[in-house]
Amino acid sequence: MRFGVIRWILSRIRPPSKPSAQTDQRLGMPPAKGWVLALPVTSNSCHRQETVAHLPRKTIPETARSRVESLSSESRNQMIDLRNLWLGLALLMPTLGQCASAQVDEFLPEIDAYYKVTQDVRLSFQAKETREGSEPTQAEIGPSIEFYLKPLLRLKKITRFDLDDSKSRPLVLAIGYRYLPSPNQPAENRIEPVATFNVPLQAGFLLSDRSRADLDWKSGKFTWRYRNRLQVEKRLTIHTYHPAPYASVEPFYESQYNKWSDTAIYAGCLFPIGKHVELNPYYEHQNNTGKSPNQQLNQLGLILSLFF
């Protein structure tokens, strides 16, 4: 019986023939090379035996290689994201160090709510505490309406993780009204025309140039202020999270002094929370030369933005 079993096994071992190649083609596999072991496989439908060839050895290394390449690509992307995060923190460290060593004069909270009416029109409402120029700290409350141009493809790619869809538009025009009450002085009424240009830069950086005029009426007296803010930001990717560190500078020209009398420098980071909420903690340094002596102000701010 032992010799019968050995003879049966030897009868099943044979070089590849035409039927095995046809079977390989029927199974969607390339013809096997060399000697193969054909075993009987029973089909559930017709209870017949077919010859099954082994996969060529080179198929497995190619599959493993593709998986290794995929994993290595993911690892490289994660390393790049971490490098960008450390780069952003490194850029913020000098400013944060100055903030830690300098006296923080004030904390400026702010809430901004945005409601998209159409694809090209958005309403907003703002409530905040502010200190601009030589004015003391005061509240600022009021609505605005914004008008968009069509989005730019490169801007959409850079800002695809940004909750503020206005950054994907090359030009945003806005007009707003602000009411500024003061405890010991008459209230101030302000009209704010704003024009913002968004420009995509290399390596995923976004440059924003905002020109704004503050047209103020107070006790029947009219004054105006022009301010131009240049801001650079970079949206990072940390797994599925996308913060955006930024830095900006904004000089002020005030009609009451007839000169560029104030310069503000900002450094902060945008932290999205879900699809409708974003936190923006920032540090601001102001150099006010409108009155003598000059004023150096260090301020911390926190902006809560709501998008609907």
Protein backbone atom coordinates (compact mmCIF):
# COMPACT_ATOMS: atom_id res chain seq x y z
CA MET A 1 0.00 0.00 0.00
CA ARG A 2 2.94 2.27 0.75
CA PHE A 3 4.26 1.85 -2.83
CA GLY A 4 0.79 2.55 -4.18
CA VAL A 5 0.67 5.91 -2.39
CA ILE A 6 4.16 6.85 -3.63
CA ARG A 7 3.22 5.86 -7.18
CA TRP A 8 0.04 8.03 -6.95
CA ILE A 9 2.05 11.07 -5.77
CA LEU A 10 4.60 10.62 -8.56
CA SER A 11 1.82 10.38 -11.07
CA ARG A 12 0.50 13.76 -9.90
CA ILE A 13 3.89 15.50 -10.37
CA ARG A 14 4.50 16.41 -13.99
CA PRO A 15 5.93 19.25 -16.06
CA PRO A 16 3.52 22.00 -17.14
CA SER A 17 1.49 20.98 -20.15
CA LYS A 18 -1.05 22.67 -22.35
CA PRO A 19 -4.01 21.87 -20.07
CA SER A 20 -2.27 23.48 -17.08
CA ALA A 21 -1.48 26.62 -19.12
CA GLN A 22 -5.12 26.80 -20.21
CA THR A 23 -6.17 26.39 -16.63
CA ASP A 24 -3.82 29.19 -15.63
CA GLN A 25 -5.34 31.47 -18.27
CA ARG A 26 -8.86 30.51 -17.18
CA LEU A 27 -7.99 31.43 -13.62
CA GLY A 28 -6.52 34.78 -14.70
CA MET A 29 -2.94 33.82 -13.76
CA PRO A 30 0.25 33.83 -15.83
CA PRO A 31 1.53 30.35 -16.78
CA ALA A 32 3.61 28.76 -14.07
CA LYS A 33 7.27 28.05 -14.74
CA GLY A 34 9.01 24.80 -13.78
CA TRP A 35 7.50 21.81 -12.01
CA VAL A 36 4.19 22.25 -10.25
CA LEU A 37 2.15 20.07 -7.98
CA ALA A 38 -1.40 19.65 -9.20
CA LEU A 39 -3.93 18.76 -6.52
CA PRO A 40 -7.57 17.92 -7.04
CA VAL A 41 -9.98 20.69 -6.20
CA THR A 42 -13.66 19.88 -6.07
CA SER A 43 -16.10 22.43 -7.48
CA ASN A 44 -19.27 22.96 -5.49
CA SER A 45 -21.37 23.35 -8.62
CA CYS A 46 -20.39 20.44 -10.85
CA HIS A 47 -18.21 18.26 -8.53
CA ARG A 48 -15.32 18.05 -10.97
CA GLN A 49 -11.59 18.31 -10.46
CA GLU A 50 -9.44 21.07 -11.88
CA THR A 51 -5.70 21.66 -11.93
CA VAL A 52 -4.64 24.74 -9.93
CA ALA A 53 -1.22 26.27 -10.53
CA HIS A 54 0.69 28.12 -7.86
CA LEU A 55 1.17 31.85 -8.16
CA PRO A 56 4.54 32.82 -9.64
CA ARG A 57 7.00 33.75 -6.94
CA LYS A 58 7.59 37.24 -8.32
CA THR A 59 3.95 38.26 -7.64
CA ILE A 60 4.40 38.23 -3.88
CA PRO A 61 7.52 40.46 -3.78
CA GLU A 62 5.80 43.01 -6.05
CA THR A 63 2.75 43.15 -3.77
CA ALA A 64 4.93 43.44 -0.68
CA ARG A 65 7.04 46.10 -2.38
CA SER A 66 3.97 48.18 -3.21
CA ARG A 67 2.78 47.97 0.38
CA VAL A 68 6.20 48.97 1.69
CA GLU A 69 6.30 51.89 -0.74
CA SER A 70 2.81 52.97 0.40
CA LEU A 71 3.82 52.80 4.06
CA SER A 72 7.07 54.63 3.38
CA SER A 73 5.14 57.36 1.50
CA GLU A 74 2.77 57.79 4.46
CA SER A 75 5.74 57.94 6.82
CA ARG A 76 7.41 60.58 4.65
CA ASN A 77 4.21 62.66 4.63
CA GLN A 78 3.94 62.44 8.41
CA MET A 79 7.58 63.46 8.77
CA ILE A 80 6.98 66.43 6.48
CA ASP A 81 3.90 67.44 8.51
CA LEU A 82 5.87 67.25 11.76
CA ARG A 83 8.69 69.23 10.20
CA ASN A 84 6.22 71.92 9.09
CA LEU A 85 4.75 72.02 12.60
CA TRP A 86 8.19 72.48 14.17
CA LEU A 87 8.98 75.10 11.54
CA GLY A 88 5.83 77.02 12.43
CA LEU A 89 6.62 76.78 16.14
CA ALA A 90 10.19 77.89 15.46
CA LEU A 91 8.89 80.94 13.60
CA LEU A 92 6.61 81.79 16.53
CA MET A 93 9.20 81.23 19.27
CA PRO A 94 10.96 84.63 19.01
CA THR A 95 7.67 86.47 19.24
CA LEU A 96 6.38 84.28 22.05
CA GLY A 97 9.65 84.76 23.87
CA GLN A 98 9.28 88.51 23.57
CA CYS A 99 5.70 88.20 24.83
CA ALA A 100 6.83 86.17 27.83
CA SER A 101 9.57 88.67 28.72
CA ALA A 102 7.43 91.76 28.11
CA GLN A 103 4.56 92.95 30.23
CA VAL A 104 1.17 92.06 28.77
CA ASP A 105 -0.92 95.20 29.05
CA GLU A 106 -4.34 93.90 27.98
CA PHE A 107 -6.42 90.94 26.94
CA LEU A 108 -8.65 91.49 23.89
CA PRO A 109 -11.54 89.01 23.41
CA GLU A 110 -13.50 88.90 20.16
CA ILE A 111 -16.43 86.98 18.65
CA ASP A 112 -17.05 86.88 14.88
CA ALA A 113 -20.09 85.16 13.35
CA TYR A 114 -20.44 84.53 9.58
CA TYR A 115 -23.53 83.51 7.65
CA LYS A 116 -23.28 82.64 3.97
CA VAL A 117 -26.28 84.02 2.07
CA THR A 118 -25.21 82.86 -1.42
CA GLN A 119 -22.01 81.54 -2.98
CA ASP A 120 -20.76 85.12 -3.43
CA VAL A 121 -22.37 87.02 -0.53
CA ARG A 122 -21.80 86.63 3.21
CA LEU A 123 -23.07 88.46 6.29
CA SER A 124 -21.00 88.85 9.44
CA PHE A 125 -21.39 90.24 12.94
CA GLN A 126 -18.53 91.28 15.20
CA ALA A 127 -18.29 92.05 18.93
CA LYS A 128 -14.88 92.73 20.47
CA GLU A 129 -12.68 94.85 22.65
CA THR A 130 -10.08 96.88 20.79
CA ARG A 131 -7.37 99.44 21.32
CA GLU A 132 -6.21 101.22 18.18
CA GLY A 133 -3.88 104.16 17.85
CA SER A 134 -3.83 106.35 20.94
CA GLU A 135 -7.44 105.55 21.84
CA PRO A 136 -8.19 103.75 25.12
CA THR A 137 -9.65 100.27 25.15
CA GLN A 138 -13.25 100.25 23.97
CA ALA A 139 -15.93 97.92 22.72
CA GLU A 140 -16.72 97.58 19.01
CA ILE A 141 -19.99 96.06 17.79
CA GLY A 142 -21.58 95.87 14.36
CA PRO A 143 -22.48 93.98 11.16
CA SER A 144 -20.82 93.74 7.73
CA ILE A 145 -21.69 92.41 4.30
CA GLU A 146 -19.06 90.79 2.07
CA PHE A 147 -18.97 90.24 -1.69
CA TYR A 148 -16.73 87.63 -3.31
CA LEU A 149 -15.18 87.12 -6.69
CA LYS A 150 -15.12 83.59 -8.13
CA PRO A 151 -12.67 81.24 -6.38
CA LEU A 152 -9.21 80.69 -7.78
CA LEU A 153 -8.12 77.08 -8.33
CA ARG A 154 -4.73 77.46 -6.63
CA LEU A 155 -6.33 79.27 -3.71
CA LYS A 156 -8.93 76.51 -3.34
CA LYS A 157 -6.15 73.95 -3.17
CA ILE A 158 -4.23 75.87 -0.49
CA THR A 159 -7.35 76.67 1.59
CA ARG A 160 -9.22 73.36 1.20
CA PHE A 161 -9.01 72.75 4.97
CA ASP A 162 -9.88 76.35 5.93
CA LEU A 163 -13.28 77.06 7.48
CA ASP A 164 -13.19 80.61 6.08
CA ASP A 165 -14.07 80.13 2.41
CA SER A 166 -13.37 83.80 1.64
CA LYS A 167 -9.65 82.92 1.56
CA SER A 168 -10.22 80.94 -1.63
CA ARG A 169 -11.35 84.13 -3.41
CA PRO A 170 -8.74 86.42 -4.98
CA LEU A 171 -10.71 89.54 -4.01
CA VAL A 172 -13.21 90.14 -1.19
CA LEU A 173 -15.02 93.47 -0.86
CA ALA A 174 -16.85 94.37 2.36
CA ILE A 175 -18.69 97.29 3.92
CA GLY A 176 -19.56 97.41 7.60
CA TYR A 177 -20.87 99.56 10.42
CA ARG A 178 -19.40 99.68 13.92
CA TYR A 179 -20.72 101.24 17.10
CA LEU A 180 -18.00 102.10 19.64
CA PRO A 181 -19.37 103.07 23.07
CA SER A 182 -17.11 104.69 25.67
CA PRO A 183 -17.87 104.96 29.39
CA ASN A 184 -16.67 108.55 29.82
CA GLN A 185 -16.96 109.90 26.27
CA PRO A 186 -19.60 110.18 23.54
CA ALA A 187 -20.11 107.07 21.44
CA GLU A 188 -18.40 106.79 18.09
CA ASN A 189 -19.98 105.65 14.81
CA ARG A 190 -17.79 104.08 12.17
CA ILE A 191 -18.15 102.98 8.54
CA GLU A 192 -15.62 100.35 7.45
CA PRO A 193 -14.95 99.77 3.73
CA VAL A 194 -12.55 96.84 3.29
CA ALA A 195 -10.80 95.24 0.29
CA THR A 196 -8.80 92.02 0.75
CA PHE A 197 -6.55 90.40 -1.86
CA ASN A 198 -5.53 86.75 -1.41
CA VAL A 199 -2.46 85.50 -3.26
CA PRO A 200 -1.17 81.88 -3.30
CA LEU A 201 2.55 81.47 -2.71
CA GLN A 202 4.97 78.59 -3.07
CA ALA A 203 4.99 75.66 -0.61
CA GLY A 204 1.35 76.19 0.34
CA PHE A 205 1.73 79.65 1.91
CA LEU A 206 -1.09 82.19 1.64
CA LEU A 207 -0.51 85.94 1.45
CA SER A 208 -3.39 88.28 2.35
CA ASP A 209 -3.32 92.02 1.77
CA ARG A 210 -6.18 93.82 3.54
CA SER A 211 -6.80 97.53 2.99
CA ARG A 212 -9.30 99.08 5.38
CA ALA A 213 -10.54 102.58 6.11
CA ASP A 214 -12.11 103.63 9.41
CA LEU A 215 -14.47 106.57 8.78
CA ASP A 216 -15.36 107.86 12.26
CA TRP A 217 -17.97 110.35 13.47
CA LYS A 218 -17.82 111.45 17.10
CA SER A 219 -19.69 114.42 18.54
CA GLY A 220 -20.15 115.80 15.04
CA LYS A 221 -16.42 115.61 14.27
CA PHE A 222 -15.13 113.46 11.41
CA THR A 223 -11.77 111.68 11.43
CA TRP A 224 -10.41 108.85 9.35
CA ARG A 225 -7.78 106.16 9.59
CA TYR A 226 -6.22 103.99 6.86
CA ARG A 227 -4.70 100.64 7.77
CA ASN A 228 -3.01 98.05 5.58
CA ARG A 229 -2.41 94.53 6.92
CA LEU A 230 -0.07 92.03 5.26
CA GLN A 231 -0.44 88.49 6.56
CA VAL A 232 1.31 85.21 5.73
CA GLU A 233 -0.11 81.90 6.93
CA LYS A 234 0.53 78.22 6.33
CA ARG A 235 -2.05 75.47 6.81
CA LEU A 236 -0.39 72.40 8.33
CA THR A 237 -1.53 68.78 8.31
CA ILE A 238 -1.05 66.70 11.45
CA HIS A 239 -2.80 63.38 10.71
CA THR A 240 -6.39 64.64 10.24
CA TYR A 241 -5.93 68.01 11.98
CA HIS A 242 -5.08 71.26 10.17
CA PRO A 243 -3.93 74.25 12.28
CA ALA A 244 -2.57 77.37 10.60
CA PRO A 245 0.16 79.52 12.20
CA TYR A 246 0.42 83.06 10.85
CA ALA A 247 2.24 86.34 11.21
CA SER A 248 1.16 89.80 10.10
CA VAL A 249 2.08 93.48 10.24
CA GLU A 250 -0.32 96.43 10.01
CA PRO A 251 0.66 100.12 9.82
CA PHE A 252 -1.90 102.86 10.54
CA TYR A 253 -2.18 106.32 9.00
CA GLU A 254 -4.33 108.67 11.10
CA SER A 255 -5.77 111.94 9.86
CA GLN A 256 -5.57 113.63 13.26
CA TYR A 257 -1.77 113.28 13.26
CA ASN A 258 -1.23 113.47 9.47
CA LYS A 259 1.31 110.63 9.57
CA TRP A 260 1.82 106.90 9.96
CA SER A 261 1.40 106.92 13.71
CA ASP A 262 0.91 103.29 14.68
CA THR A 263 2.31 99.88 13.75
CA ALA A 264 0.91 96.57 14.97
CA ILE A 265 2.66 93.20 14.69
CA TYR A 266 0.68 89.98 15.18
CA ALA A 267 1.61 86.31 15.63
CA GLY A 268 -0.93 83.57 16.24
CA CYS A 269 -2.40 80.30 15.12
CA LEU A 270 -5.82 79.23 13.80
CA PHE A 271 -7.25 76.11 15.47
CA PRO A 272 -10.37 74.69 13.80
CA ILE A 273 -12.85 72.83 16.02
CA GLY A 274 -15.23 70.78 13.93
CA LYS A 275 -16.76 72.30 10.82
CA HIS A 276 -18.17 75.55 12.26
CA VAL A 277 -15.87 76.80 15.05
CA GLU A 278 -12.35 78.20 14.99
CA LEU A 279 -10.17 79.60 17.76
CA ASN A 280 -7.51 82.21 17.05
CA PRO A 281 -5.19 83.01 19.98
CA TYR A 282 -2.65 85.68 19.11
CA TYR A 283 -0.06 88.07 20.46
CA GLU A 284 0.00 91.72 19.36
CA HIS A 285 2.68 94.34 19.79
CA GLN A 286 1.82 97.98 19.08
CA ASN A 287 4.22 100.86 18.59
CA ASN A 288 2.24 104.09 18.82
CA THR A 289 4.04 107.32 17.88
CA GLY A 290 0.97 109.56 17.58
CA LYS A 291 1.40 111.24 20.92
CA SER A 292 4.49 112.03 22.95
CA PRO A 293 5.90 110.00 24.58
CA ASN A 294 5.62 106.93 22.35
CA GLN A 295 3.61 103.98 23.61
CA GLN A 296 4.70 100.33 23.48
CA LEU A 297 1.76 97.95 24.04
CA ASN A 298 1.82 94.17 24.41
CA GLN A 299 -1.55 92.49 24.10
CA LEU A 300 -2.96 88.98 24.07
CA GLY A 301 -6.13 88.28 22.12
CA LEU A 302 -8.51 85.41 21.53
CA ILE A 303 -10.93 85.34 18.59
CA LEU A 304 -13.84 82.91 18.45
CA SER A 305 -15.10 82.55 14.87
CA LEU A 306 -18.41 80.86 14.02
CA PHE A 307 -19.22 79.82 10.44
CA PHE A 308 -22.74 78.99 9.28
